[in-house]
Amino acid sequence: MQSTPPVGVTTAPEQTVLPGSSVHPSVGNETLCDVASVAAGRDISPSLYNLDLAPTKKEGRRWTSYSIFTLWANDVHSLGNYAFAIGLFSLGLGGWQILVALGIGAVLLFTLLTFSGFMGQKTGVPFPVMSRISFGIRGAQLASLVRGAVAIAWFGIQTYLASVVLRVMLVAMFPGLKDMDANSILGLSTLGWIAFVSLWIVQLVIVSFGMEMIRKYEAFAGPIILATMLAIAIWVFVEAGGAIQWSGIKGLEGGEMWRTIFAGGALWVSIYGTFVLNFCDFTRSSVSKKSIVRGNFWGIPINMLLFGAIVVIMAGGQYKINGKIIESPSDIVQSIPNTLFLVLACLALLILTIAVNLMANFVAPVYALTNLFPKHLNFRKAAWVSGTIGLVILPWNLYNNPLVIVYFLGGLGALLGPLFGVVMADYWLLRRGKVNILDLYTDHPSGTYFYKRGVNPRAIAAMVPAAVVAVLIAFVPALEAVAPFAWFFGAGIGALCYYVFADKKQQHTDVSGEPIAVVSNH
């Protein structure tokens, strides 16, 4: 047992309690690291440690199974996911086939996310720090920046998509605003800029209050989203006269049908290729492993099957109504004849998109930037930097350029599988969950994760061939048949290569991070 009391943060946001003294956060990171060094019995580097990157104390964590469930209640029902699942209907899959495809993906995701979540619950560290285990204290910048870059771009794009919904709502409420939606300033109308900037500010304000506010927002939004999507599905079902298009519209059979089903399940996992990497950003504050399992069980397989049922009713019902295939629930919302119901549905979609953006596209880049500049950035400052980048890239132009979406974002996305494979093989197969958490914050050459000048060349060597294969599978036309499985090829090859290249003679020790842990305010 440690005789030195741990570093901690009280529930009062303006006071940081360090071993033996009470110090305001404004004392600076250098002083914080000096005190943490005494508690750890080794040098804690200011370039690797601050209050946001520090491990969370096990006592006082707040993320319960309900907290985790509401993450999925929001994220699974995102407009992007509905567009993807409805796309399976366009490919020719019928109702039961879509449910099977989503079910296959859900089982795989439940397994992957549970193991990924356990890592965060045990160590209490965010993903940029977690990746130091495999890639080294400096090499981890590669992993976190790739994840963060993808998220920043999608944060901007999702905010733009939400602004489109807001514009529809505003015009429905105030028809006179339609004239403000006809011009173009850097690709957006005047009303478009007002809607985008308004949503941008709302999200930054929420994030400025930290992860605890995000947890509360997700808990608030989850039930609203589920109720709204169920209501829309029921409305479509009634409008369709109680009938839906249950069978596929292209009559797929045999091998082609099953290939499409498994491809759909694989793509469903690939969509969450970002989240399986940094799920520890959330589970680092989980109260127990059981809370992760329960939250994931109700939030992934059960919730995803409910999602699939809603998709089948929406797409199949709308097809029965007018013979057209919708692209997303927003298409249905725009056709609601009652202005009040249209406005309420738009508000629910806005609440949903903000919830998805906060968890999937904001947290990762915030931690990545904090990890890059721990001396200068905390969670709030990094949030504003991340959000500003998401604005200045003019994301609507990215979204409207298929080459950018496919080759830039798709190419970065193809790297996430290899990253996941390396991290998981290192943590579970080689280390068997044994981590010297204190050494994750020291840049001393004798540190466990210093490797060679802070970079683990074996991890890089494992990632490169896996990334090359994943990118080729994703983009070479001749490999189109296996393209949906690119994430799995990348993850599998990355894990296998790392297991082959790794030093299996190295002895691994389990050292708690409690001496330098902070009370969870996440």
Protein backbone atom coordinates (compact mmCIF):
# COMPACT_ATOMS: atom_id res chain seq x y z
CA MET A 1 0.00 0.00 0.00
CA GLN A 2 1.28 3.48 -0.85
CA SER A 3 2.09 5.61 2.16
CA THR A 4 1.91 8.83 0.10
CA PRO A 5 -1.61 10.12 -0.43
CA PRO A 6 -2.63 10.35 -4.09
CA VAL A 7 -2.89 13.46 -6.16
CA GLY A 8 -6.56 14.39 -6.36
CA VAL A 9 -9.13 16.84 -7.59
CA THR A 10 -11.99 17.69 -5.31
CA THR A 11 -15.51 18.07 -6.60
CA ALA A 12 -15.05 21.82 -6.32
CA PRO A 13 -13.80 22.77 -9.78
CA GLU A 14 -11.41 25.48 -8.64
CA GLN A 15 -9.27 23.50 -6.20
CA THR A 16 -6.69 20.80 -6.80
CA VAL A 17 -5.57 18.74 -3.83
CA LEU A 18 -1.99 17.46 -4.11
CA PRO A 19 -0.08 15.23 -1.69
CA GLY A 20 0.32 17.15 1.50
CA SER A 21 -1.09 20.46 0.28
CA SER A 22 -3.96 22.26 -1.42
CA VAL A 23 -2.91 24.04 -4.58
CA HIS A 24 -4.93 25.97 -7.13
CA PRO A 25 -4.56 24.67 -10.73
CA SER A 26 -2.97 28.00 -11.71
CA VAL A 27 0.25 26.93 -9.95
CA GLY A 28 1.24 25.41 -13.29
CA ASN A 29 2.04 22.02 -14.67
CA GLU A 30 5.68 22.12 -13.56
CA THR A 31 4.70 22.33 -9.87
CA LEU A 32 2.03 19.68 -10.34
CA CYS A 33 4.60 17.31 -11.86
CA ASP A 34 7.10 18.03 -9.09
CA VAL A 35 4.56 16.97 -6.49
CA ALA A 36 3.51 13.94 -8.57
CA SER A 37 7.17 12.94 -8.91
CA VAL A 38 7.50 12.80 -5.14
CA ALA A 39 4.33 10.70 -4.90
CA ALA A 40 5.47 8.33 -7.67
CA GLY A 41 9.08 7.99 -6.58
CA ARG A 42 10.27 8.78 -10.13
CA ASP A 43 10.42 11.77 -12.45
CA ILE A 44 7.01 12.68 -13.87
CA SER A 45 7.49 14.72 -17.02
CA PRO A 46 5.49 17.93 -17.65
CA SER A 47 5.47 16.96 -21.33
CA LEU A 48 3.53 13.79 -20.50
CA TYR A 49 1.34 14.66 -17.51
CA ASN A 50 -1.35 17.12 -16.53
CA LEU A 51 -4.69 16.95 -14.73
CA ASP A 52 -6.53 15.74 -17.85
CA LEU A 53 -3.99 13.07 -18.84
CA ALA A 54 -3.44 11.77 -15.30
CA PRO A 55 -5.07 8.44 -14.37
CA THR A 56 -8.38 8.68 -12.52
CA LYS A 57 -8.68 7.43 -8.96
CA LYS A 58 -10.83 4.33 -8.67
CA GLU A 59 -12.81 5.89 -5.85
CA GLY A 60 -15.36 8.46 -6.93
CA ARG A 61 -15.83 7.38 -10.55
CA ARG A 62 -19.30 8.25 -11.91
CA TRP A 63 -19.85 6.38 -15.17
CA THR A 64 -22.43 3.69 -14.46
CA SER A 65 -23.96 1.14 -16.81
CA TYR A 66 -26.70 3.68 -17.59
CA SER A 67 -24.09 6.29 -18.54
CA ILE A 68 -22.53 3.86 -21.01
CA PHE A 69 -25.92 2.74 -22.30
CA THR A 70 -26.89 6.34 -23.09
CA LEU A 71 -23.67 6.75 -25.09
CA TRP A 72 -24.91 4.04 -27.43
CA ALA A 73 -28.53 5.17 -27.24
CA ASN A 74 -27.32 8.40 -28.83
CA ASP A 75 -24.54 7.25 -31.10
CA VAL A 76 -26.25 4.20 -32.61
CA HIS A 77 -29.24 6.33 -33.62
CA SER A 78 -27.14 8.97 -35.39
CA LEU A 79 -28.29 10.26 -38.77
CA GLY A 80 -25.14 8.86 -40.36
CA ASN A 81 -25.90 5.38 -39.05
CA TYR A 82 -29.46 5.57 -40.33
CA ALA A 83 -28.15 6.62 -43.74
CA PHE A 84 -25.80 3.62 -43.74
CA ALA A 85 -28.43 1.10 -42.63
CA ILE A 86 -31.01 2.43 -45.08
CA GLY A 87 -28.29 2.07 -47.71
CA LEU A 88 -28.38 -1.68 -47.06
CA PHE A 89 -32.01 -1.59 -48.17
CA SER A 90 -30.86 0.18 -51.35
CA LEU A 91 -28.31 -2.59 -51.92
CA GLY A 92 -31.16 -5.08 -52.02
CA LEU A 93 -31.29 -6.48 -48.48
CA GLY A 94 -34.74 -7.07 -47.04
CA GLY A 95 -35.95 -6.64 -43.47
CA TRP A 96 -34.66 -9.87 -41.90
CA GLN A 97 -31.40 -9.62 -43.85
CA ILE A 98 -30.72 -6.10 -42.53
CA LEU A 99 -31.40 -7.31 -38.99
CA VAL A 100 -28.97 -10.22 -39.46
CA ALA A 101 -26.26 -7.92 -40.86
CA LEU A 102 -26.64 -5.48 -37.96
CA GLY A 103 -26.81 -8.38 -35.50
CA ILE A 104 -23.49 -9.78 -36.75
CA GLY A 105 -21.90 -6.35 -36.43
CA ALA A 106 -23.43 -5.86 -32.98
CA VAL A 107 -21.98 -9.11 -31.59
CA LEU A 108 -18.52 -8.22 -32.90
CA LEU A 109 -18.75 -4.69 -31.56
CA PHE A 110 -19.93 -5.84 -28.15
CA THR A 111 -16.84 -8.05 -27.88
CA LEU A 112 -14.35 -5.49 -29.19
CA LEU A 113 -15.72 -2.56 -27.20
CA THR A 114 -15.92 -4.56 -23.98
CA PHE A 115 -12.25 -5.56 -24.15
CA SER A 116 -11.32 -2.01 -25.14
CA GLY A 117 -13.41 -0.64 -22.28
CA PHE A 118 -11.78 -2.92 -19.72
CA MET A 119 -8.42 -1.32 -20.55
CA GLY A 120 -9.70 2.13 -19.62
CA GLN A 121 -11.46 0.93 -16.47
CA LYS A 122 -8.31 -0.73 -15.13
CA THR A 123 -5.75 1.97 -15.95
CA GLY A 124 -7.91 5.10 -15.70
CA VAL A 125 -6.03 6.74 -18.59
CA PRO A 126 -7.32 8.29 -21.86
CA PHE A 127 -6.44 6.84 -25.26
CA PRO A 128 -3.38 9.03 -26.03
CA VAL A 129 -1.79 7.78 -22.79
CA MET A 130 -3.00 4.22 -23.37
CA SER A 131 -1.29 4.14 -26.77
CA ARG A 132 2.04 4.96 -25.08
CA ILE A 133 2.08 1.37 -23.87
CA SER A 134 2.48 0.04 -27.42
CA PHE A 135 3.99 2.93 -29.38
CA GLY A 136 6.14 4.58 -26.72
CA ILE A 137 5.76 7.87 -24.89
CA ARG A 138 6.49 9.85 -28.10
CA GLY A 139 5.33 7.38 -30.73
CA ALA A 140 1.87 7.54 -29.19
CA GLN A 141 1.46 10.96 -30.78
CA LEU A 142 1.02 9.19 -34.12
CA ALA A 143 -1.87 7.06 -32.88
CA SER A 144 -3.70 9.87 -31.10
CA LEU A 145 -3.23 12.39 -33.93
CA VAL A 146 -4.56 10.00 -36.59
CA ARG A 147 -7.62 9.37 -34.43
CA GLY A 148 -7.95 13.08 -33.64
CA ALA A 149 -7.62 14.25 -37.25
CA VAL A 150 -10.46 11.98 -38.38
CA ALA A 151 -12.62 13.20 -35.51
CA ILE A 152 -12.00 16.93 -36.11
CA ALA A 153 -13.06 16.63 -39.75
CA TRP A 154 -16.19 14.68 -38.84
CA PHE A 155 -17.01 17.11 -36.02
CA GLY A 156 -17.20 19.89 -38.59
CA ILE A 157 -19.17 17.77 -41.05
CA GLN A 158 -21.69 16.60 -38.44
CA THR A 159 -22.14 20.16 -37.22
CA TYR A 160 -22.86 21.19 -40.81
CA LEU A 161 -25.41 18.38 -41.22
CA ALA A 162 -27.09 19.47 -37.99
CA SER A 163 -27.17 23.06 -39.26
CA VAL A 164 -29.10 21.85 -42.31
CA VAL A 165 -31.77 20.44 -39.98
CA LEU A 166 -31.79 23.72 -38.03
CA ARG A 167 -32.31 25.67 -41.25
CA VAL A 168 -35.30 23.48 -42.15
CA MET A 169 -36.77 24.09 -38.69
CA LEU A 170 -36.21 27.85 -38.79
CA VAL A 171 -37.76 28.23 -42.26
CA ALA A 172 -40.77 26.15 -41.13
CA MET A 173 -41.23 28.41 -38.11
CA PHE A 174 -40.41 31.68 -39.88
CA PRO A 175 -41.03 31.40 -43.65
CA GLY A 176 -39.62 34.90 -44.18
CA LEU A 177 -36.12 33.53 -43.47
CA LYS A 178 -36.18 31.61 -46.74
CA ASP A 179 -34.67 34.59 -48.57
CA MET A 180 -31.61 34.41 -46.26
CA ASP A 181 -31.04 30.83 -47.43
CA ALA A 182 -30.61 31.72 -51.12
CA ASN A 183 -27.15 33.37 -51.25
CA SER A 184 -23.66 31.89 -50.79
CA ILE A 185 -20.76 33.08 -48.62
CA LEU A 186 -17.79 30.69 -48.79
CA GLY A 187 -20.21 27.91 -49.66
CA LEU A 188 -22.92 28.65 -47.08
CA SER A 189 -25.95 30.92 -47.16
CA THR A 190 -26.41 33.65 -44.57
CA LEU A 191 -28.94 31.48 -42.74
CA GLY A 192 -26.57 28.55 -43.10
CA TRP A 193 -23.77 30.50 -41.39
CA ILE A 194 -26.09 31.58 -38.57
CA ALA A 195 -27.25 27.97 -38.03
CA PHE A 196 -23.73 26.51 -38.21
CA VAL A 197 -22.08 29.04 -35.91
CA SER A 198 -24.94 28.80 -33.40
CA LEU A 199 -24.58 25.02 -33.14
CA TRP A 200 -20.80 25.35 -33.07
CA ILE A 201 -21.00 27.67 -30.07
CA VAL A 202 -23.53 25.47 -28.23
CA GLN A 203 -21.25 22.44 -28.53
CA LEU A 204 -18.16 24.33 -27.42
CA VAL A 205 -19.98 25.69 -24.39
CA ILE A 206 -21.06 22.17 -23.38
CA VAL A 207 -17.55 20.77 -23.84
CA SER A 208 -16.04 23.67 -21.91
CA PHE A 209 -17.59 22.20 -18.75
CA GLY A 210 -15.67 18.95 -19.26
CA MET A 211 -16.52 15.28 -19.54
CA GLU A 212 -18.94 15.36 -16.63
CA MET A 213 -21.18 17.76 -18.56
CA ILE A 214 -20.92 15.50 -21.62
CA ARG A 215 -22.02 12.55 -19.46
CA LYS A 216 -25.03 14.52 -18.23
CA TYR A 217 -25.95 15.66 -21.73
CA GLU A 218 -25.78 12.11 -23.08
CA ALA A 219 -28.00 10.91 -20.21
CA PHE A 220 -30.49 13.68 -21.02
CA ALA A 221 -30.47 13.10 -24.79
CA GLY A 222 -30.67 9.28 -24.84
CA PRO A 223 -34.34 8.80 -23.88
CA ILE A 224 -35.40 11.71 -26.12
CA ILE A 225 -33.71 10.15 -29.15
CA LEU A 226 -35.16 6.69 -28.57
CA ALA A 227 -38.68 8.10 -28.11
CA THR A 228 -38.41 10.32 -31.20
CA MET A 229 -37.13 7.60 -33.52
CA LEU A 230 -39.82 5.20 -32.31
CA ALA A 231 -42.47 7.88 -32.89
CA ILE A 232 -41.24 8.54 -36.44
CA ALA A 233 -41.22 4.81 -37.20
CA ILE A 234 -44.78 4.42 -35.85
CA TRP A 235 -45.95 7.42 -37.91
CA VAL A 236 -44.47 5.91 -41.10
CA PHE A 237 -46.00 2.51 -40.28
CA VAL A 238 -49.44 4.08 -39.87
CA GLU A 239 -49.04 6.16 -43.05
CA ALA A 240 -48.10 2.97 -44.92
CA GLY A 241 -51.32 1.32 -43.81
CA GLY A 242 -49.58 -1.11 -41.49
CA ALA A 243 -47.53 -2.68 -44.29
CA ILE A 244 -43.79 -2.52 -45.05
CA GLN A 245 -41.52 -3.78 -47.80
CA TRP A 246 -40.12 -6.80 -45.94
CA SER A 247 -38.27 -8.52 -48.78
CA GLY A 248 -35.31 -7.07 -50.65
CA ILE A 249 -36.08 -4.88 -53.65
CA LYS A 250 -33.38 -6.56 -55.78
CA GLY A 251 -34.14 -10.16 -54.94
CA LEU A 252 -30.66 -11.12 -53.72
CA GLU A 253 -30.23 -14.83 -53.10
CA GLY A 254 -27.62 -17.43 -52.21
CA GLY A 255 -23.97 -16.46 -52.04
CA GLU A 256 -24.50 -12.89 -53.21
CA MET A 257 -27.08 -12.33 -50.48
CA TRP A 258 -24.84 -13.68 -47.72
CA ARG A 259 -21.81 -11.76 -48.98
CA THR A 260 -23.85 -8.56 -48.82
CA ILE A 261 -25.10 -9.45 -45.33
CA PHE A 262 -21.59 -10.10 -43.98
CA ALA A 263 -20.25 -7.04 -45.81
CA GLY A 264 -22.94 -4.97 -44.11
CA GLY A 265 -21.97 -6.38 -40.71
CA ALA A 266 -18.29 -5.70 -41.39
CA LEU A 267 -18.96 -2.13 -42.47
CA TRP A 268 -21.06 -1.64 -39.33
CA VAL A 269 -17.96 -2.52 -37.30
CA SER A 270 -15.78 -0.27 -39.47
CA ILE A 271 -18.04 2.69 -38.73
CA TYR A 272 -17.06 2.24 -35.08
CA GLY A 273 -13.37 1.77 -35.92
CA THR A 274 -12.74 5.16 -34.33
CA PHE A 275 -14.70 4.41 -31.19
CA VAL A 276 -13.17 1.03 -30.41
CA LEU A 277 -9.83 2.83 -30.22
CA ASN A 278 -10.69 5.55 -27.74
CA PHE A 279 -13.53 3.97 -25.76
CA CYS A 280 -11.15 4.14 -22.79
CA ASP A 281 -11.64 7.94 -22.82
CA PHE A 282 -15.05 7.18 -21.31
CA THR A 283 -14.51 3.93 -19.39
CA ARG A 284 -11.56 5.42 -17.51
CA SER A 285 -14.30 6.75 -15.23
CA SER A 286 -16.41 3.56 -15.12
CA VAL A 287 -17.32 2.33 -11.68
CA SER A 288 -16.60 -1.33 -12.53
CA LYS A 289 -16.14 -3.89 -15.29
CA LYS A 290 -19.70 -5.02 -14.73
CA SER A 291 -20.96 -1.54 -15.54
CA ILE A 292 -19.16 -1.74 -18.89
CA VAL A 293 -20.58 -5.17 -19.70
CA ARG A 294 -24.13 -4.18 -18.71
CA GLY A 295 -23.97 -0.82 -20.48
CA ASN A 296 -22.53 -2.39 -23.62
CA PHE A 297 -25.03 -5.27 -23.60
CA TRP A 298 -28.10 -3.04 -23.49
CA GLY A 299 -26.50 -0.34 -25.60
CA ILE A 300 -25.03 -2.46 -28.40
CA PRO A 301 -26.76 -5.76 -29.28
CA ILE A 302 -30.16 -4.90 -27.77
CA ASN A 303 -30.19 -1.25 -28.81
CA MET A 304 -28.80 -2.05 -32.26
CA LEU A 305 -31.56 -4.56 -32.93
CA LEU A 306 -34.10 -1.90 -31.94
CA PHE A 307 -32.29 0.45 -34.30
CA GLY A 308 -32.49 -2.17 -37.05
CA ALA A 309 -36.22 -2.61 -36.52
CA ILE A 310 -36.75 1.15 -36.79
CA VAL A 311 -34.68 1.23 -39.99
CA VAL A 312 -36.71 -1.59 -41.54
CA ILE A 313 -40.00 0.14 -40.68
CA MET A 314 -38.82 3.55 -41.90
CA ALA A 315 -37.26 2.38 -45.17
CA GLY A 316 -39.75 -0.41 -45.89
CA GLY A 317 -42.77 1.70 -44.88
CA GLN A 318 -41.73 4.73 -46.92
CA TYR A 319 -41.10 2.46 -49.93
CA LYS A 320 -44.66 1.13 -49.59
CA ILE A 321 -46.00 4.69 -49.42
CA ASN A 322 -44.43 6.12 -52.57
CA GLY A 323 -41.97 3.59 -54.00
CA LYS A 324 -38.99 5.75 -53.03
CA ILE A 325 -36.02 4.91 -50.84
CA ILE A 326 -35.24 7.58 -48.25
CA GLU A 327 -31.64 8.50 -47.42
CA SER A 328 -32.09 9.35 -43.72
CA PRO A 329 -34.79 10.12 -41.12
CA SER A 330 -34.44 13.81 -41.96
CA ASP A 331 -36.14 13.07 -45.29
CA ILE A 332 -39.18 11.82 -43.40
CA VAL A 333 -39.09 14.73 -40.96
CA GLN A 334 -39.18 17.27 -43.82
CA SER A 335 -42.36 15.62 -45.12
CA ILE A 336 -44.27 15.93 -41.83
CA PRO A 337 -47.29 18.11 -42.68
CA ASN A 338 -47.83 19.47 -39.17
CA THR A 339 -45.48 22.38 -38.42
CA LEU A 340 -45.45 21.75 -34.66
CA PHE A 341 -44.51 18.08 -35.06
CA LEU A 342 -41.94 18.98 -37.71
CA VAL A 343 -40.30 21.47 -35.34
CA LEU A 344 -40.30 18.98 -32.45
CA ALA A 345 -38.77 16.28 -34.68
CA CYS A 346 -36.10 18.72 -35.90
CA LEU A 347 -35.26 19.64 -32.30
CA ALA A 348 -34.85 15.96 -31.45
CA LEU A 349 -32.54 15.45 -34.44
CA LEU A 350 -30.49 18.46 -33.32
CA ILE A 351 -30.21 17.09 -29.78
CA LEU A 352 -29.16 13.76 -31.30
CA THR A 353 -26.49 15.16 -33.61
CA ILE A 354 -24.96 17.26 -30.84
CA ALA A 355 -24.88 14.20 -28.57
CA VAL A 356 -23.15 12.11 -31.24
CA ASN A 357 -20.68 14.87 -32.04
CA LEU A 358 -19.70 15.40 -28.42
CA MET A 359 -18.91 11.75 -27.75
CA ALA A 360 -17.59 10.56 -31.11
CA ASN A 361 -15.92 13.60 -32.63
CA PHE A 362 -14.96 15.97 -29.84
CA VAL A 363 -13.44 13.98 -26.99
CA ALA A 364 -10.76 12.25 -29.10
CA PRO A 365 -9.18 15.38 -30.63
CA VAL A 366 -9.38 17.20 -27.29
CA TYR A 367 -7.32 14.50 -25.60
CA ALA A 368 -5.00 14.28 -28.64
CA LEU A 369 -4.25 18.01 -28.47
CA THR A 370 -3.89 17.92 -24.69
CA ASN A 371 -1.45 15.03 -25.09
CA LEU A 372 0.49 17.01 -27.71
CA PHE A 373 0.80 20.17 -25.58
CA PRO A 374 0.17 19.15 -21.94
CA LYS A 375 2.08 22.17 -20.62
CA HIS A 376 -0.17 24.63 -22.41
CA LEU A 377 -3.54 22.97 -23.04
CA ASN A 378 -6.14 21.61 -20.68
CA PHE A 379 -9.46 20.02 -21.66
CA ARG A 380 -11.27 23.35 -22.12
CA LYS A 381 -8.52 25.07 -24.12
CA ALA A 382 -8.01 22.01 -26.32
CA ALA A 383 -11.77 21.90 -26.95
CA TRP A 384 -11.72 25.46 -28.31
CA VAL A 385 -8.66 24.74 -30.47
CA SER A 386 -10.26 21.58 -31.84
CA GLY A 387 -13.56 23.35 -32.48
CA THR A 388 -11.84 26.25 -34.22
CA ILE A 389 -10.03 23.88 -36.57
CA GLY A 390 -13.37 22.22 -37.29
CA LEU A 391 -14.72 25.63 -38.32
CA VAL A 392 -11.85 27.00 -40.42
CA ILE A 393 -11.63 23.88 -42.60
CA LEU A 394 -15.09 24.85 -43.95
CA PRO A 395 -16.41 21.29 -43.48
CA TRP A 396 -19.38 21.67 -45.84
CA ASN A 397 -16.87 21.88 -48.70
CA LEU A 398 -15.25 18.65 -47.50
CA TYR A 399 -18.62 16.94 -47.29
CA ASN A 400 -19.57 18.06 -50.79
CA ASN A 401 -16.27 16.80 -52.26
CA PRO A 402 -16.42 13.00 -52.68
CA LEU A 403 -12.66 12.81 -53.31
CA VAL A 404 -11.92 14.32 -49.89
CA ILE A 405 -14.37 12.03 -48.12
CA VAL A 406 -13.19 8.88 -49.88
CA TYR A 407 -9.44 9.38 -50.13
CA PHE A 408 -8.49 11.64 -47.24
CA LEU A 409 -10.93 10.64 -44.51
CA GLY A 410 -11.23 7.11 -45.92
CA GLY A 411 -7.46 6.77 -46.02
CA LEU A 412 -7.06 7.94 -42.44
CA GLY A 413 -9.91 5.64 -41.42
CA ALA A 414 -8.10 2.69 -42.98
CA LEU A 415 -5.24 3.29 -40.52
CA LEU A 416 -7.50 2.81 -37.49
CA GLY A 417 -7.71 -0.98 -37.91
CA PRO A 418 -3.93 -1.48 -37.76
CA LEU A 419 -3.72 0.86 -34.76
CA PHE A 420 -6.37 -1.14 -32.94
CA GLY A 421 -4.68 -4.45 -33.80
CA VAL A 422 -1.31 -3.34 -32.44
CA VAL A 423 -2.74 -1.86 -29.22
CA MET A 424 -4.95 -4.86 -28.44
CA ALA A 425 -2.30 -7.49 -29.24
CA ASP A 426 0.22 -5.66 -27.07
CA TYR A 427 -2.12 -5.18 -24.11
CA TRP A 428 -3.97 -8.52 -24.06
CA LEU A 429 -1.72 -11.09 -25.76
CA LEU A 430 1.74 -9.95 -24.70
CA ARG A 431 1.28 -8.04 -21.46
CA ARG A 432 -1.84 -9.89 -20.32
CA GLY A 433 -3.14 -6.61 -18.94
CA LYS A 434 -0.03 -5.81 -16.89
CA VAL A 435 0.84 -2.12 -17.16
CA ASN A 436 3.31 0.04 -15.26
CA ILE A 437 1.07 3.08 -15.21
CA LEU A 438 3.60 5.35 -13.48
CA ASP A 439 6.13 4.80 -16.28
CA LEU A 440 3.61 6.11 -18.81
CA TYR A 441 4.40 9.58 -17.49
CA THR A 442 8.21 9.52 -17.30
CA ASP A 443 10.61 10.36 -20.11
CA HIS A 444 13.61 8.86 -18.35
CA PRO A 445 15.52 6.48 -20.69
CA SER A 446 15.12 3.69 -18.12
CA GLY A 447 11.32 3.98 -18.30
CA THR A 448 9.38 0.94 -19.48
CA TYR A 449 7.84 2.76 -22.43
CA PHE A 450 10.79 4.88 -23.52
CA TYR A 451 11.86 2.21 -26.06
CA LYS A 452 14.17 4.02 -28.54
CA ARG A 453 14.00 7.78 -28.00
CA GLY A 454 10.40 7.42 -26.95
CA VAL A 455 9.27 5.40 -29.96
CA ASN A 456 8.65 1.66 -30.20
CA PRO A 457 10.04 0.69 -33.65
CA ARG A 458 8.42 -2.75 -33.44
CA ALA A 459 4.95 -1.19 -33.26
CA ILE A 460 5.70 1.06 -36.23
CA ALA A 461 7.09 -1.91 -38.17
CA ALA A 462 3.90 -3.88 -37.45
CA MET A 463 1.61 -1.03 -38.38
CA VAL A 464 3.17 -0.16 -41.75
CA PRO A 465 2.43 -3.40 -43.66
CA ALA A 466 -1.02 -3.65 -42.06
CA ALA A 467 -1.81 -0.08 -43.09
CA VAL A 468 -0.60 -0.66 -46.65
CA VAL A 469 -2.80 -3.74 -47.01
CA ALA A 470 -5.82 -1.99 -45.47
CA VAL A 471 -5.47 1.04 -47.79
CA LEU A 472 -5.04 -1.16 -50.88
CA ILE A 473 -8.10 -3.24 -50.00
CA ALA A 474 -10.12 -0.09 -49.38
CA PHE A 475 -9.22 1.72 -52.61
CA VAL A 476 -8.03 -0.69 -55.34
CA PRO A 477 -11.01 -1.35 -57.67
CA ALA A 478 -9.94 -4.95 -58.30
CA LEU A 479 -10.35 -5.66 -54.56
CA GLU A 480 -13.81 -4.13 -54.34
CA ALA A 481 -15.38 -7.44 -53.26
CA VAL A 482 -13.35 -7.49 -50.02
CA ALA A 483 -13.26 -3.71 -49.47
CA PRO A 484 -15.92 -3.84 -46.71
CA PHE A 485 -13.55 -6.03 -44.69
CA ALA A 486 -10.56 -3.63 -44.89
CA TRP A 487 -10.75 -2.75 -41.18
CA PHE A 488 -10.58 -6.43 -40.19
CA PHE A 489 -7.64 -7.13 -42.50
CA GLY A 490 -5.80 -4.11 -41.10
CA ALA A 491 -6.51 -5.01 -37.47
CA GLY A 492 -5.68 -8.69 -37.95
CA ILE A 493 -2.43 -8.11 -39.85
CA GLY A 494 -1.39 -5.40 -37.40
CA ALA A 495 -2.00 -7.68 -34.41
CA LEU A 496 -0.23 -10.65 -36.03
CA CYS A 497 2.79 -8.63 -37.14
CA TYR A 498 3.17 -7.04 -33.73
CA TYR A 499 2.93 -10.40 -31.98
CA VAL A 500 5.68 -11.74 -34.28
CA PHE A 501 7.94 -8.68 -33.97
CA ALA A 502 7.51 -8.04 -30.23
CA ASP A 503 10.10 -8.93 -27.61
CA LYS A 504 8.43 -11.86 -25.86
CA LYS A 505 11.25 -12.18 -23.32
CA GLN A 506 10.42 -8.84 -21.73
CA GLN A 507 9.05 -9.09 -18.21
CA HIS A 508 5.91 -7.06 -17.57
CA THR A 509 4.93 -5.67 -14.18
CA ASP A 510 1.62 -4.31 -12.96
CA VAL A 511 2.09 -0.97 -11.20
CA SER A 512 -0.92 1.04 -10.05
CA GLY A 513 -1.32 4.67 -11.04
CA GLU A 514 -3.07 5.60 -7.79
CA PRO A 515 -0.08 7.59 -6.38
CA ILE A 516 -0.43 10.16 -9.18
CA ALA A 517 -4.15 9.69 -9.89
CA VAL A 518 -6.67 12.50 -9.71
CA VAL A 519 -10.24 12.31 -8.50
CA SER A 520 -12.42 11.73 -11.55
CA ASN A 521 -14.19 14.85 -12.73
CA HIS A 522 -15.11 12.99 -15.91
